PDB file of N, CA and C in Angstrom:
ATOM      1  N   MET A   1       5.630  -9.474  42.515  1.00  0.00           N
ATOM      2  CA  MET A   1       4.458  -9.493  41.648  1.00  0.00           C
ATOM      3  C   MET A   1       4.894  -8.584  40.464  1.00  0.00           C
ATOM      4  N   PRO A   2       4.336  -8.928  39.273  1.00  0.00           N
ATOM      5  CA  PRO A   2       4.493  -8.170  38.058  1.00  0.00           C
ATOM      6  C   PRO A   2       3.872  -6.737  38.313  1.00  0.00           C
ATOM      7  N   ASP A   3       4.755  -5.795  37.634  1.00  0.00           N
ATOM      8  CA  ASP A   3       4.114  -4.485  37.640  1.00  0.00           C
ATOM      9  C   ASP A   3       2.791  -4.389  37.117  1.00  0.00           C
ATOM     10  N   GLY A   4       1.799  -3.587  37.906  1.00  0.00           N
ATOM     11  CA  GLY A   4       0.538  -3.461  37.358  1.00  0.00           C
ATOM     12  C   GLY A   4      -0.509  -4.535  37.837  1.00  0.00           C
ATOM     13  N   PHE A   5       0.033  -5.525  38.572  1.00  0.00           N
ATOM     14  CA  PHE A   5      -0.770  -6.673  39.271  1.00  0.00           C
ATOM     15  C   PHE A   5      -1.376  -6.272  40.537  1.00  0.00           C
ATOM     16  N   ASP A   6      -2.709  -6.122  40.617  1.00  0.00           N
ATOM     17  CA  ASP A   6      -3.180  -5.728  41.873  1.00  0.00           C
ATOM     18  C   ASP A   6      -3.595  -6.830  42.857  1.00  0.00           C
ATOM     19  N   GLY A   7      -3.530  -8.114  42.421  1.00  0.00           N
ATOM     20  CA  GLY A   7      -3.831  -9.215  43.273  1.00  0.00           C
ATOM     21  C   GLY A   7      -5.285  -9.606  43.192  1.00  0.00           C
ATOM     22  N   ASP A   8      -6.213  -8.779  42.623  1.00  0.00           N
ATOM     23  CA  ASP A   8      -7.574  -9.223  42.273  1.00  0.00           C
ATOM     24  C   ASP A   8      -7.785  -9.979  41.101  1.00  0.00           C
ATOM     25  N   THR A   9      -6.982 -10.063  40.175  1.00  0.00           N
ATOM     26  CA  THR A   9      -7.001 -10.777  38.952  1.00  0.00           C
ATOM     27  C   THR A   9      -5.680 -11.256  38.567  1.00  0.00           C
ATOM     28  N   ASP A  10      -5.776 -12.360  37.740  1.00  0.00           N
ATOM     29  CA  ASP A  10      -4.569 -12.779  37.184  1.00  0.00           C
ATOM     30  C   ASP A  10      -3.961 -12.054  35.927  1.00  0.00           C
ATOM     31  N   GLU A  11      -2.891 -12.381  35.438  1.00  0.00           N
ATOM     32  CA  GLU A  11      -2.231 -11.579  34.417  1.00  0.00           C
ATOM     33  C   GLU A  11      -3.031 -11.279  33.297  1.00  0.00           C
ATOM     34  N   VAL A  12      -3.993 -12.123  32.997  1.00  0.00           N
ATOM     35  CA  VAL A  12      -4.802 -11.870  31.861  1.00  0.00           C
ATOM     36  C   VAL A  12      -6.245 -11.284  32.077  1.00  0.00           C
ATOM     37  N   GLY A  13      -6.352 -10.842  33.455  1.00  0.00           N
ATOM     38  CA  GLY A  13      -7.549 -10.054  33.729  1.00  0.00           C
ATOM     39  C   GLY A  13      -8.773 -11.011  34.343  1.00  0.00           C
ATOM     40  N   CYS A  14      -8.430 -12.228  34.550  1.00  0.00           N
ATOM     41  CA  CYS A  14      -9.417 -13.251  34.982  1.00  0.00           C
ATOM     42  C   CYS A  14      -9.403 -13.130  36.530  1.00  0.00           C
ATOM     43  N   PRO A  15     -10.659 -13.415  37.197  1.00  0.00           N
ATOM     44  CA  PRO A  15     -10.691 -13.396  38.782  1.00  0.00           C
ATOM     45  C   PRO A  15      -9.845 -14.312  39.225  1.00  0.00           C
ATOM     46  N   ASP A  16      -9.251 -14.092  40.466  1.00  0.00           N
ATOM     47  CA  ASP A  16      -8.305 -15.103  41.057  1.00  0.00           C
ATOM     48  C   ASP A  16      -9.032 -16.238  41.490  1.00  0.00           C
ATOM     49  N   GLU A  17     -10.295 -16.064  41.973  1.00  0.00           N
ATOM     50  CA  GLU A  17     -11.104 -17.205  42.481  1.00  0.00           C
ATOM     51  C   GLU A  17     -12.316 -17.466  41.428  1.00  0.00           C
ATOM     52  N   ILE A  18     -12.325 -18.855  41.279  1.00  0.00           N
ATOM     53  CA  ILE A  18     -13.311 -19.321  40.307  1.00  0.00           C
ATOM     54  C   ILE A  18     -14.467 -19.778  41.136  1.00  0.00           C
ATOM     55  N   ASP A  19     -15.590 -19.363  40.812  1.00  0.00           N
ATOM     56  CA  ASP A  19     -17.049 -19.847  41.572  1.00  0.00           C
ATOM     57  C   ASP A  19     -17.314 -21.067  40.836  1.00  0.00           C
ATOM     58  N   ASP A  20     -16.917 -22.203  41.593  1.00  0.00           N
ATOM     59  CA  ASP A  20     -17.443 -23.557  40.977  1.00  0.00           C
ATOM     60  C   ASP A  20     -18.446 -24.186  42.039  1.00  0.00           C
ATOM     61  N   THR A  21     -19.096 -23.226  42.907  1.00  0.00           N
ATOM     62  CA  THR A  21     -20.132 -23.853  43.701  1.00  0.00           C
ATOM     63  C   THR A  21     -21.128 -24.573  42.816  1.00  0.00           C
ATOM     64  N   PRO A  22     -21.486 -25.810  43.217  1.00  0.00           N
ATOM     65  CA  PRO A  22     -22.531 -26.584  42.493  1.00  0.00           C
ATOM     66  C   PRO A  22     -23.953 -25.895  42.577  1.00  0.00           C
ATOM     67  N   THR A  23     -24.784 -26.060  41.580  1.00  0.00           N
ATOM     68  CA  THR A  23     -26.124 -25.514  41.703  1.00  0.00           C
ATOM     69  C   THR A  23     -27.030 -26.605  41.459  1.00  0.00           C
ATOM     70  N   VAL A  24     -28.223 -26.542  42.129  1.00  0.00           N
ATOM     71  CA  VAL A  24     -29.368 -27.555  41.931  1.00  0.00           C
ATOM     72  C   VAL A  24     -30.645 -26.718  41.437  1.00  0.00           C
ATOM     73  N   SER A  25     -31.389 -27.245  40.371  1.00  0.00           N
ATOM     74  CA  SER A  25     -32.621 -26.593  40.101  1.00  0.00           C
ATOM     75  C   SER A  25     -33.810 -27.624  40.213  1.00  0.00           C
ATOM     76  N   CYS A  26     -35.008 -26.887  40.331  1.00  0.00           N
ATOM     77  CA  CYS A  26     -36.172 -27.669  40.478  1.00  0.00           C
ATOM     78  C   CYS A  26     -37.228 -27.107  39.568  1.00  0.00           C
ATOM     79  N   THR A  27     -37.803 -27.754  38.675  1.00  0.00           N
ATOM     80  CA  THR A  27     -38.696 -27.175  37.820  1.00  0.00           C
ATOM     81  C   THR A  27     -40.074 -27.119  38.402  1.00  0.00           C
ATOM     82  N   GLN A  28     -40.325 -27.945  39.401  1.00  0.00           N
ATOM     83  CA  GLN A  28     -41.663 -27.810  39.959  1.00  0.00           C
ATOM     84  C   GLN A  28     -41.687 -26.540  40.897  1.00  0.00           C
ATOM     85  N   CYS A  29     -40.552 -26.194  41.549  1.00  0.00           N
ATOM     86  CA  CYS A  29     -40.469 -25.008  42.372  1.00  0.00           C
ATOM     87  C   CYS A  29     -40.175 -23.762  41.394  1.00  0.00           C
ATOM     88  N   ASN A  30     -39.660 -23.907  40.126  1.00  0.00           N
ATOM     89  CA  ASN A  30     -39.246 -22.895  39.336  1.00  0.00           C
ATOM     90  C   ASN A  30     -38.220 -22.133  40.044  1.00  0.00           C
ATOM     91  N   ARG A  31     -37.170 -22.866  40.451  1.00  0.00           N
ATOM     92  CA  ARG A  31     -36.067 -22.083  41.199  1.00  0.00           C
ATOM     93  C   ARG A  31     -34.762 -22.809  40.970  1.00  0.00           C
ATOM     94  N   GLU A  32     -33.640 -22.110  41.200  1.00  0.00           N
ATOM     95  CA  GLU A  32     -32.315 -22.736  41.280  1.00  0.00           C
ATOM     96  C   GLU A  32     -31.694 -22.281  42.566  1.00  0.00           C
ATOM     97  N   TRP A  33     -30.883 -23.174  43.167  1.00  0.00           N
ATOM     98  CA  TRP A  33     -30.141 -22.818  44.327  1.00  0.00           C
ATOM     99  C   TRP A  33     -28.572 -23.211  44.121  1.00  0.00           C
ATOM    100  N   ASP A  34     -27.650 -22.421  44.802  1.00  0.00           N
ATOM    101  CA  ASP A  34     -26.298 -22.932  44.916  1.00  0.00           C
ATOM    102  C   ASP A  34     -26.126 -23.699  46.284  1.00  0.00           C
ATOM    103  N   LEU A  35     -25.138 -24.318  46.260  1.00  0.00           N
ATOM    104  CA  LEU A  35     -24.989 -25.341  47.505  1.00  0.00           C
ATOM    105  C   LEU A  35     -24.000 -24.668  48.477  1.00  0.00           C
ATOM    106  N   GLU A  36     -23.765 -23.277  48.359  1.00  0.00           N
ATOM    107  CA  GLU A  36     -22.790 -22.671  49.216  1.00  0.00           C
ATOM    108  C   GLU A  36     -23.064 -22.990  50.757  1.00  0.00           C
ATOM    109  N   TYR A  37     -24.421 -22.842  51.087  1.00  0.00           N
ATOM    110  CA  TYR A  37     -24.657 -23.143  52.600  1.00  0.00           C
ATOM    111  C   TYR A  37     -24.351 -24.484  53.008  1.00  0.00           C
ATOM    112  N   GLU A  38     -24.627 -25.419  52.064  1.00  0.00           N
ATOM    113  CA  GLU A  38     -24.369 -26.855  52.585  1.00  0.00           C
ATOM    114  C   GLU A  38     -22.746 -27.002  52.646  1.00  0.00           C
ATOM    115  N   LEU A  39     -21.994 -26.356  51.733  1.00  0.00           N
ATOM    116  CA  LEU A  39     -20.543 -26.564  51.558  1.00  0.00           C
ATOM    117  C   LEU A  39     -19.898 -25.741  52.768  1.00  0.00           C
ATOM    118  N   ASP A  40     -20.208 -24.455  52.990  1.00  0.00           N
ATOM    119  CA  ASP A  40     -19.680 -23.561  53.788  1.00  0.00           C
ATOM    120  C   ASP A  40     -20.157 -23.628  55.219  1.00  0.00           C
ATOM    121  N   ASP A  41     -21.502 -23.494  55.486  1.00  0.00           N
ATOM    122  CA  ASP A  41     -22.012 -23.428  56.880  1.00  0.00           C
ATOM    123  C   ASP A  41     -22.099 -24.886  57.386  1.00  0.00           C
ATOM    124  N   LEU A  42     -22.717 -25.860  56.659  1.00  0.00           N
ATOM    125  CA  LEU A  42     -23.106 -27.112  57.153  1.00  0.00           C
ATOM    126  C   LEU A  42     -21.673 -28.029  57.051  1.00  0.00           C
ATOM    127  N   ARG A  43     -20.834 -27.559  56.268  1.00  0.00           N
ATOM    128  CA  ARG A  43     -19.627 -28.464  55.856  1.00  0.00           C
ATOM    129  C   ARG A  43     -19.864 -29.921  55.647  1.00  0.00           C
ATOM    130  N   VAL A  44     -20.764 -30.153  54.808  1.00  0.00           N
ATOM    131  CA  VAL A  44     -20.983 -31.508  54.484  1.00  0.00           C
ATOM    132  C   VAL A  44     -20.225 -32.087  53.308  1.00  0.00           C
ATOM    133  N   GLY A  45     -19.511 -31.336  52.660  1.00  0.00           N
ATOM    134  CA  GLY A  45     -18.563 -31.623  51.633  1.00  0.00           C
ATOM    135  C   GLY A  45     -19.181 -32.572  50.560  1.00  0.00           C
ATOM    136  N   ASN A  46     -18.688 -33.765  50.305  1.00  0.00           N
ATOM    137  CA  ASN A  46     -19.289 -34.521  49.079  1.00  0.00           C
ATOM    138  C   ASN A  46     -20.695 -34.711  49.229  1.00  0.00           C
ATOM    139  N   GLN A  47     -21.268 -34.734  50.322  1.00  0.00           N
ATOM    140  CA  GLN A  47     -22.625 -34.989  50.590  1.00  0.00           C
ATOM    141  C   GLN A  47     -23.576 -33.844  50.406  1.00  0.00           C
ATOM    142  N   ALA A  48     -22.967 -32.682  49.825  1.00  0.00           N
ATOM    143  CA  ALA A  48     -23.879 -31.480  49.865  1.00  0.00           C
ATOM    144  C   ALA A  48     -25.068 -31.568  48.897  1.00  0.00           C
ATOM    145  N   LEU A  49     -24.875 -32.329  47.785  1.00  0.00           N
ATOM    146  CA  LEU A  49     -26.099 -32.492  46.932  1.00  0.00           C
ATOM    147  C   LEU A  49     -27.233 -33.275  47.611  1.00  0.00           C
ATOM    148  N   GLU A  50     -26.741 -34.455  48.178  1.00  0.00           N
ATOM    149  CA  GLU A  50     -27.588 -35.530  49.042  1.00  0.00           C
ATOM    150  C   GLU A  50     -28.315 -34.771  50.122  1.00  0.00           C
ATOM    151  N   ARG A  51     -27.514 -33.920  50.861  1.00  0.00           N
ATOM    152  CA  ARG A  51     -28.229 -33.159  52.017  1.00  0.00           C
ATOM    153  C   ARG A  51     -29.230 -32.194  51.588  1.00  0.00           C
ATOM    154  N   PHE A  52     -28.819 -31.429  50.445  1.00  0.00           N
ATOM    155  CA  PHE A  52     -29.763 -30.560  49.829  1.00  0.00           C
ATOM    156  C   PHE A  52     -31.051 -31.262  49.444  1.00  0.00           C
ATOM    157  N   ALA A  53     -30.838 -32.208  48.739  1.00  0.00           N
ATOM    158  CA  ALA A  53     -31.913 -32.990  48.074  1.00  0.00           C
ATOM    159  C   ALA A  53     -32.888 -33.645  49.126  1.00  0.00           C
ATOM    160  N   LEU A  54     -32.448 -34.172  50.202  1.00  0.00           N
ATOM    161  CA  LEU A  54     -33.081 -34.780  51.432  1.00  0.00           C
ATOM    162  C   LEU A  54     -33.999 -33.648  52.056  1.00  0.00           C
ATOM    163  N   ASP A  55     -33.203 -32.463  52.334  1.00  0.00           N
ATOM    164  CA  ASP A  55     -33.942 -31.456  52.893  1.00  0.00           C
ATOM    165  C   ASP A  55     -35.127 -30.830  52.026  1.00  0.00           C
ATOM    166  N   HIS A  56     -34.841 -30.670  50.722  1.00  0.00           N
ATOM    167  CA  HIS A  56     -35.728 -30.236  49.738  1.00  0.00           C
ATOM    168  C   HIS A  56     -36.944 -31.109  49.853  1.00  0.00           C
ATOM    169  N   LYS A  57     -36.885 -32.346  49.719  1.00  0.00           N
ATOM    170  CA  LYS A  57     -37.964 -33.442  49.886  1.00  0.00           C
ATOM    171  C   LYS A  57     -38.775 -33.282  51.142  1.00  0.00           C
ATOM    172  N   ARG A  58     -37.966 -33.009  52.199  1.00  0.00           N
ATOM    173  CA  ARG A  58     -38.586 -32.958  53.448  1.00  0.00           C
ATOM    174  C   ARG A  58     -39.626 -31.657  53.474  1.00  0.00           C
ATOM    175  N   HIS A  59     -39.254 -30.614  52.903  1.00  0.00           N
ATOM    176  CA  HIS A  59     -39.877 -29.333  52.969  1.00  0.00           C
ATOM    177  C   HIS A  59     -40.907 -29.205  51.824  1.00  0.00           C
ATOM    178  N   THR A  60     -40.704 -29.835  50.582  1.00  0.00           N
ATOM    179  CA  THR A  60     -41.598 -29.670  49.617  1.00  0.00           C
ATOM    180  C   THR A  60     -42.383 -30.932  49.194  1.00  0.00           C
ATOM    181  N   GLY A  61     -41.928 -31.972  49.614  1.00  0.00           N
ATOM    182  CA  GLY A  61     -42.541 -33.173  49.257  1.00  0.00           C
ATOM    183  C   GLY A  61     -42.066 -33.843  47.826  1.00  0.00           C
ATOM    184  N   HIS A  62     -41.122 -33.248  47.245  1.00  0.00           N
ATOM    185  CA  HIS A  62     -40.518 -33.866  46.161  1.00  0.00           C
ATOM    186  C   HIS A  62     -39.087 -33.641  46.183  1.00  0.00           C
ATOM    187  N   PHE A  63     -38.267 -34.301  45.129  1.00  0.00           N
ATOM    188  CA  PHE A  63     -36.993 -34.121  45.024  1.00  0.00           C
ATOM    189  C   PHE A  63     -36.554 -33.115  43.942  1.00  0.00           C
ATOM    190  N   PRO A  64     -35.436 -32.439  44.046  1.00  0.00           N
ATOM    191  CA  PRO A  64     -35.279 -31.586  42.991  1.00  0.00           C
ATOM    192  C   PRO A  64     -34.800 -32.242  41.612  1.00  0.00           C
ATOM    193  N   ASP A  65     -34.750 -31.560  40.484  1.00  0.00           N
ATOM    194  CA  ASP A  65     -34.418 -32.154  39.137  1.00  0.00           C
ATOM    195  C   ASP A  65     -33.226 -32.978  39.305  1.00  0.00           C
ATOM    196  N   GLU A  66     -33.350 -34.141  38.526  1.00  0.00           N
ATOM    197  CA  GLU A  66     -32.120 -35.142  38.298  1.00  0.00           C
ATOM    198  C   GLU A  66     -31.716 -35.852  39.581  1.00  0.00           C
ATOM    199  N   VAL A  67     -32.591 -35.856  40.467  1.00  0.00           N
ATOM    200  CA  VAL A  67     -32.401 -36.647  41.807  1.00  0.00           C
ATOM    201  C   VAL A  67     -33.349 -37.681  41.803  1.00  0.00           C
ATOM    202  N   THR A  68     -33.102 -39.005  41.602  1.00  0.00           N
ATOM    203  CA  THR A  68     -34.050 -40.144  41.442  1.00  0.00           C
ATOM    204  C   THR A  68     -33.437 -40.977  42.605  1.00  0.00           C
ATOM    205  N   PRO A  69     -34.550 -41.008  43.650  1.00  0.00           N
ATOM    206  CA  PRO A  69     -34.093 -41.876  44.839  1.00  0.00           C
ATOM    207  C   PRO A  69     -34.338 -43.604  44.558  1.00  0.00           C
ATOM    208  N   TRP A  70     -33.667 -44.275  45.640  1.00  0.00           N
ATOM    209  CA  TRP A  70     -34.011 -45.692  45.644  1.00  0.00           C
ATOM    210  C   TRP A  70     -35.213 -45.742  46.543  1.00  0.00           C
ATOM    211  N   VAL A  71     -36.297 -46.477  45.926  1.00  0.00           N
ATOM    212  CA  VAL A  71     -37.347 -46.839  46.818  1.00  0.00           C
ATOM    213  C   VAL A  71     -37.636 -48.125  47.347  1.00  0.00           C
ATOM    214  N   VAL A  72     -37.823 -48.111  48.562  1.00  0.00           N
ATOM    215  CA  VAL A  72     -38.109 -49.426  49.248  1.00  0.00           C
ATOM    216  C   VAL A  72     -39.558 -49.488  49.683  1.00  0.00           C
ATOM    217  N   ALA A  73     -40.295 -50.547  49.353  1.00  0.00           N
ATOM    218  CA  ALA A  73     -41.658 -50.622  49.857  1.00  0.00           C
ATOM    219  C   ALA A  73     -41.873 -52.013  50.377  1.00  0.00           C
ATOM    220  N   CYS A  74     -42.702 -52.208  51.508  1.00  0.00           N
ATOM    221  CA  CYS A  74     -42.939 -53.528  51.852  1.00  0.00           C
ATOM    222  C   CYS A  74     -44.102 -54.023  51.125  1.00  0.00           C
ATOM    223  N   ARG A  75     -44.167 -55.209  50.904  1.00  0.00           N
ATOM    224  CA  ARG A  75     -45.373 -55.757  49.942  1.00  0.00           C
ATOM    225  C   ARG A  75     -46.449 -56.161  50.879  1.00  0.00           C
ATOM    226  N   GLN A  76     -46.299 -56.098  52.148  1.00  0.00           N
ATOM    227  CA  GLN A  76     -47.467 -56.634  53.103  1.00  0.00           C
ATOM    228  C   GLN A  76     -48.057 -55.429  54.004  1.00  0.00           C
ATOM    229  N   CYS A  77     -47.209 -54.491  54.366  1.00  0.00           N
ATOM    230  CA  CYS A  77     -47.691 -53.332  55.146  1.00  0.00           C
ATOM    231  C   CYS A  77     -47.256 -51.998  54.623  1.00  0.00           C
ATOM    232  N   PRO A  78     -47.704 -50.984  55.060  1.00  0.00           N
ATOM    233  CA  PRO A  78     -47.549 -49.610  54.560  1.00  0.00           C
ATOM    234  C   PRO A  78     -46.092 -49.028  54.606  1.00  0.00           C
ATOM    235  N   ASP A  79     -45.239 -49.753  55.293  1.00  0.00           N
ATOM    236  CA  ASP A  79     -43.898 -49.121  55.397  1.00  0.00           C
ATOM    237  C   ASP A  79     -43.092 -49.072  54.190  1.00  0.00           C
ATOM    238  N   GLY A  80     -42.274 -48.123  54.100  1.00  0.00           N
ATOM    239  CA  GLY A  80     -41.453 -47.907  52.970  1.00  0.00           C
ATOM    240  C   GLY A  80     -40.540 -46.722  53.211  1.00  0.00           C
ATOM    241  N   ASP A  81     -39.709 -46.352  52.275  1.00  0.00           N
ATOM    242  CA  ASP A  81     -38.773 -45.236  52.406  1.00  0.00           C
ATOM    243  C   ASP A  81     -38.098 -44.860  51.206  1.00  0.00           C
ATOM    244  N   GLU A  82     -37.465 -43.736  51.030  1.00  0.00           N
ATOM    245  CA  GLU A  82     -36.587 -43.514  49.992  1.00  0.00           C
ATOM    246  C   GLU A  82     -35.193 -43.077  50.433  1.00  0.00           C
ATOM    247  N   PHE A  83     -34.301 -43.433  49.678  1.00  0.00           N
ATOM    248  CA  PHE A  83     -32.839 -43.198  49.771  1.00  0.00           C
ATOM    249  C   PHE A  83     -32.220 -42.665  48.593  1.00  0.00           C
ATOM    250  N   LEU A  84     -31.003 -42.015  48.710  1.00  0.00           N
ATOM    251  CA  LEU A  84     -30.363 -41.432  47.626  1.00  0.00           C
ATOM    252  C   LEU A  84     -29.253 -42.274  47.253  1.00  0.00           C
ATOM    253  N   SER A  85     -29.076 -43.427  47.894  1.00  0.00           N
ATOM    254  CA  SER A  85     -27.943 -44.517  47.369  1.00  0.00           C
ATOM    255  C   SER A  85     -28.391 -45.817  47.772  1.00  0.00           C
ATOM    256  N   GLU A  86     -27.882 -46.859  47.104  1.00  0.00           N
ATOM    257  CA  GLU A  86     -28.195 -48.170  47.053  1.00  0.00           C
ATOM    258  C   GLU A  86     -28.018 -48.819  48.466  1.00  0.00           C
ATOM    259  N   ARG A  87     -26.984 -48.601  49.067  1.00  0.00           N
ATOM    260  CA  ARG A  87     -26.569 -49.320  50.392  1.00  0.00           C
ATOM    261  C   ARG A  87     -27.601 -49.170  51.463  1.00  0.00           C
ATOM    262  N   PRO A  88     -28.021 -47.881  51.703  1.00  0.00           N
ATOM    263  CA  PRO A  88     -28.975 -47.673  52.915  1.00  0.00           C
ATOM    264  C   PRO A  88     -30.361 -48.145  52.330  1.00  0.00           C
ATOM    265  N   ALA A  89     -30.726 -48.162  51.130  1.00  0.00           N
ATOM    266  CA  ALA A  89     -31.940 -48.762  50.824  1.00  0.00           C
ATOM    267  C   ALA A  89     -31.993 -50.232  50.961  1.00  0.00           C
ATOM    268  N   GLN A  90     -30.856 -50.834  50.522  1.00  0.00           N
ATOM    269  CA  GLN A  90     -30.897 -52.368  50.762  1.00  0.00           C
ATOM    270  C   GLN A  90     -30.899 -52.682  52.256  1.00  0.00           C
ATOM    271  N   ARG A  91     -30.066 -51.923  53.032  1.00  0.00           N
ATOM    272  CA  ARG A  91     -30.009 -52.285  54.606  1.00  0.00           C
ATOM    273  C   ARG A  91     -31.338 -52.079  55.143  1.00  0.00           C
ATOM    274  N   TRP A  92     -32.212 -51.034  54.693  1.00  0.00           N
ATOM    275  CA  TRP A  92     -33.559 -51.032  55.289  1.00  0.00           C
ATOM    276  C   TRP A  92     -34.377 -52.133  54.796  1.00  0.00           C
ATOM    277  N   ALA A  93     -34.276 -52.509  53.583  1.00  0.00           N
ATOM    278  CA  ALA A  93     -35.057 -53.665  53.103  1.00  0.00           C
ATOM    279  C   ALA A  93     -34.709 -54.892  53.794  1.00  0.00           C
ATOM    280  N   GLU A  94     -33.501 -55.248  54.076  1.00  0.00           N
ATOM    281  CA  GLU A  94     -33.044 -56.578  54.833  1.00  0.00           C
ATOM    282  C   GLU A  94     -33.480 -56.449  56.399  1.00  0.00           C
ATOM    283  N   THR A  95     -33.382 -55.224  56.807  1.00  0.00           N
ATOM    284  CA  THR A  95     -33.795 -55.089  58.262  1.00  0.00           C
ATOM    285  C   THR A  95     -35.269 -55.213  58.418  1.00  0.00           C
ATOM    286  N   HIS A  96     -36.024 -54.680  57.584  1.00  0.00           N
ATOM    287  CA  HIS A  96     -37.399 -54.905  57.576  1.00  0.00           C
ATOM    288  C   HIS A  96     -37.887 -56.259  57.500  1.00  0.00           C
ATOM    289  N   ALA A  97     -37.311 -56.874  56.450  1.00  0.00           N
ATOM    290  CA  ALA A  97     -37.772 -58.222  56.292  1.00  0.00           C
ATOM    291  C   ALA A  97     -37.325 -59.131  57.304  1.00  0.00           C
ATOM    292  N   ARG A  98     -36.235 -58.941  57.955  1.00  0.00           N
ATOM    293  CA  ARG A  98     -35.801 -59.791  59.038  1.00  0.00           C
ATOM    294  C   ARG A  98     -36.774 -59.675  60.248  1.00  0.00           C
ATOM    295  N   HIS A  99     -37.019 -58.402  60.536  1.00  0.00           N
ATOM    296  CA  HIS A  99     -37.812 -58.150  61.729  1.00  0.00           C
ATOM    297  C   HIS A  99     -39.346 -58.324  61.489  1.00  0.00           C
ATOM    298  N   THR A 100     -39.850 -58.219  60.445  1.00  0.00           N
ATOM    299  CA  THR A 100     -41.316 -58.363  60.268  1.00  0.00           C
ATOM    300  C   THR A 100     -41.677 -59.722  59.424  1.00  0.00           C
ATOM    301  N   ARG A 101     -40.722 -60.287  58.789  1.00  0.00           N
ATOM    302  CA  ARG A 101     -40.876 -61.540  57.953  1.00  0.00           C
ATOM    303  C   ARG A 101     -41.795 -61.017  56.885  1.00  0.00           C
ATOM    304  N   HIS A 102     -41.634 -59.830  56.368  1.00  0.00           N
ATOM    305  CA  HIS A 102     -42.324 -59.342  55.145  1.00  0.00           C
ATOM    306  C   HIS A 102     -41.286 -59.288  53.992  1.00  0.00           C
ATOM    307  N   SER A 103     -41.891 -59.420  52.708  1.00  0.00           N
ATOM    308  CA  SER A 103     -41.071 -59.261  51.537  1.00  0.00           C
ATOM    309  C   SER A 103     -41.008 -57.738  51.263  1.00  0.00           C
ATOM    310  N   VAL A 104     -39.814 -57.212  50.766  1.00  0.00           N
ATOM    311  CA  VAL A 104     -39.602 -55.730  50.544  1.00  0.00           C
ATOM    312  C   VAL A 104     -39.192 -55.685  49.032  1.00  0.00           C
ATOM    313  N   THR A 105     -39.888 -54.710  48.232  1.00  0.00           N
ATOM    314  CA  THR A 105     -39.414 -54.320  46.906  1.00  0.00           C
ATOM    315  C   THR A 105     -38.360 -53.232  47.096  1.00  0.00           C
ATOM    316  N   VAL A 106     -37.290 -53.286  46.369  1.00  0.00           N
ATOM    317  CA  VAL A 106     -36.252 -52.336  46.214  1.00  0.00           C
ATOM    318  C   VAL A 106     -36.178 -51.884  44.720  1.00  0.00           C
ATOM    319  N   ARG A 107     -36.597 -50.717  44.533  1.00  0.00           N
ATOM    320  CA  ARG A 107     -36.519 -50.272  43.092  1.00  0.00           C
ATOM    321  C   ARG A 107     -35.343 -49.114  42.981  1.00  0.00           C
ATOM    322  N   GLY A 108     -34.366 -49.355  42.143  1.00  0.00           N
ATOM    323  CA  GLY A 108     -33.195 -48.449  42.102  1.00  0.00           C
ATOM    324  C   GLY A 108     -33.526 -47.325  41.316  1.00  0.00           C
ATOM    325  N   ASP A 109     -32.434 -46.323  41.325  1.00  0.00           N
ATOM    326  CA  ASP A 109     -32.575 -45.096  40.595  1.00  0.00           C
ATOM    327  C   ASP A 109     -32.035 -45.329  39.210  1.00  0.00           C
ATOM    328  N   ASP A 110     -31.808 -46.528  38.825  1.00  0.00           N
ATOM    329  CA  ASP A 110     -31.343 -46.720  37.366  1.00  0.00           C
ATOM    330  C   ASP A 110     -32.504 -47.088  36.449  1.00  0.00           C
ATOM    331  N   GLY A 111     -33.565 -47.360  36.925  1.00  0.00           N
ATOM    332  CA  GLY A 111     -34.752 -47.727  36.088  1.00  0.00           C
ATOM    333  C   GLY A 111     -34.926 -49.107  35.879  1.00  0.00           C
ATOM    334  N   ASP A 112     -34.020 -50.014  36.237  1.00  0.00           N
ATOM    335  CA  ASP A 112     -33.941 -51.496  36.087  1.00  0.00           C
ATOM    336  C   ASP A 112     -35.266 -52.056  36.902  1.00  0.00           C
ATOM    337  N   ASP A 113     -35.538 -53.282  36.510  1.00  0.00           N
ATOM    338  CA  ASP A 113     -36.717 -53.957  37.270  1.00  0.00           C
ATOM    339  C   ASP A 113     -36.363 -54.033  38.864  1.00  0.00           C
ATOM    340  N   PRO A 114     -37.369 -54.000  39.690  1.00  0.00           N
ATOM    341  CA  PRO A 114     -37.037 -54.025  41.082  1.00  0.00           C
ATOM    342  C   PRO A 114     -36.609 -55.282  41.572  1.00  0.00           C
ATOM    343  N   THR A 115     -35.791 -55.325  42.706  1.00  0.00           N
ATOM    344  CA  THR A 115     -35.472 -56.713  43.290  1.00  0.00           C
ATOM    345  C   THR A 115     -36.362 -56.792  44.492  1.00  0.00           C
ATOM    346  N   VAL A 116     -36.572 -58.163  44.885  1.00  0.00           N
ATOM    347  CA  VAL A 116     -37.351 -58.285  46.089  1.00  0.00           C
ATOM    348  C   VAL A 116     -36.426 -58.887  47.175  1.00  0.00           C
ATOM    349  N   VAL A 117     -36.533 -58.422  48.320  1.00  0.00           N
ATOM    350  CA  VAL A 117     -35.717 -58.929  49.452  1.00  0.00           C
ATOM    351  C   VAL A 117     -36.797 -59.817  50.254  1.00  0.00           C
ATOM    352  N   GLU A 118     -36.465 -60.989  50.356  1.00  0.00           N
ATOM    353  CA  GLU A 118     -37.347 -62.021  51.126  1.00  0.00           C
ATOM    354  C   GLU A 118     -36.906 -62.193  52.512  1.00  0.00           C
ATOM    355  N   PRO A 119     -37.835 -62.543  53.476  1.00  0.00           N
ATOM    356  CA  PRO A 119     -37.373 -62.775  54.813  1.00  0.00           C
ATOM    357  C   PRO A 119     -36.524 -64.034  54.944  1.00  0.00           C
ATOM    358  N   ASP A 120     -35.521 -64.235  55.785  1.00  0.00           N
ATOM    359  CA  ASP A 120     -34.945 -65.542  55.874  1.00  0.00           C
ATOM    360  C   ASP A 120     -35.835 -66.415  56.552  1.00  0.00           C
ATOM    361  N   ASP A 121     -35.826 -67.744  56.087  1.00  0.00           N
ATOM    362  CA  ASP A 121     -36.694 -68.680  56.823  1.00  0.00           C
ATOM    363  C   ASP A 121     -35.885 -69.234  58.039  1.00  0.00           C
TER     364      ASP A 121
END
């Protein structure tokens, strides 16, 4: 080690560790959270934001800022759900249509026109 180096900072006085823990904000709650719990305790890795967003929705009734879910809604009954990615939304719609013979609307997080999943004849 160079003379005068104490191990807590690099040679130009910057901290050894960079805190790059992602944060999430919610203007409805007027709060901001870091995802340290999801990363360190839950160990969900790349799904940390998704896990936090789903937990936030479950506890508050809304998603945090900048999280827009895929929304599936049956066109004939009150069933529907929200997902944070397309694949599970599409799978839910196809399964519901197959089992109930109902048409299901799938609205993506991209703001494009919704698609309709029709039951197979």
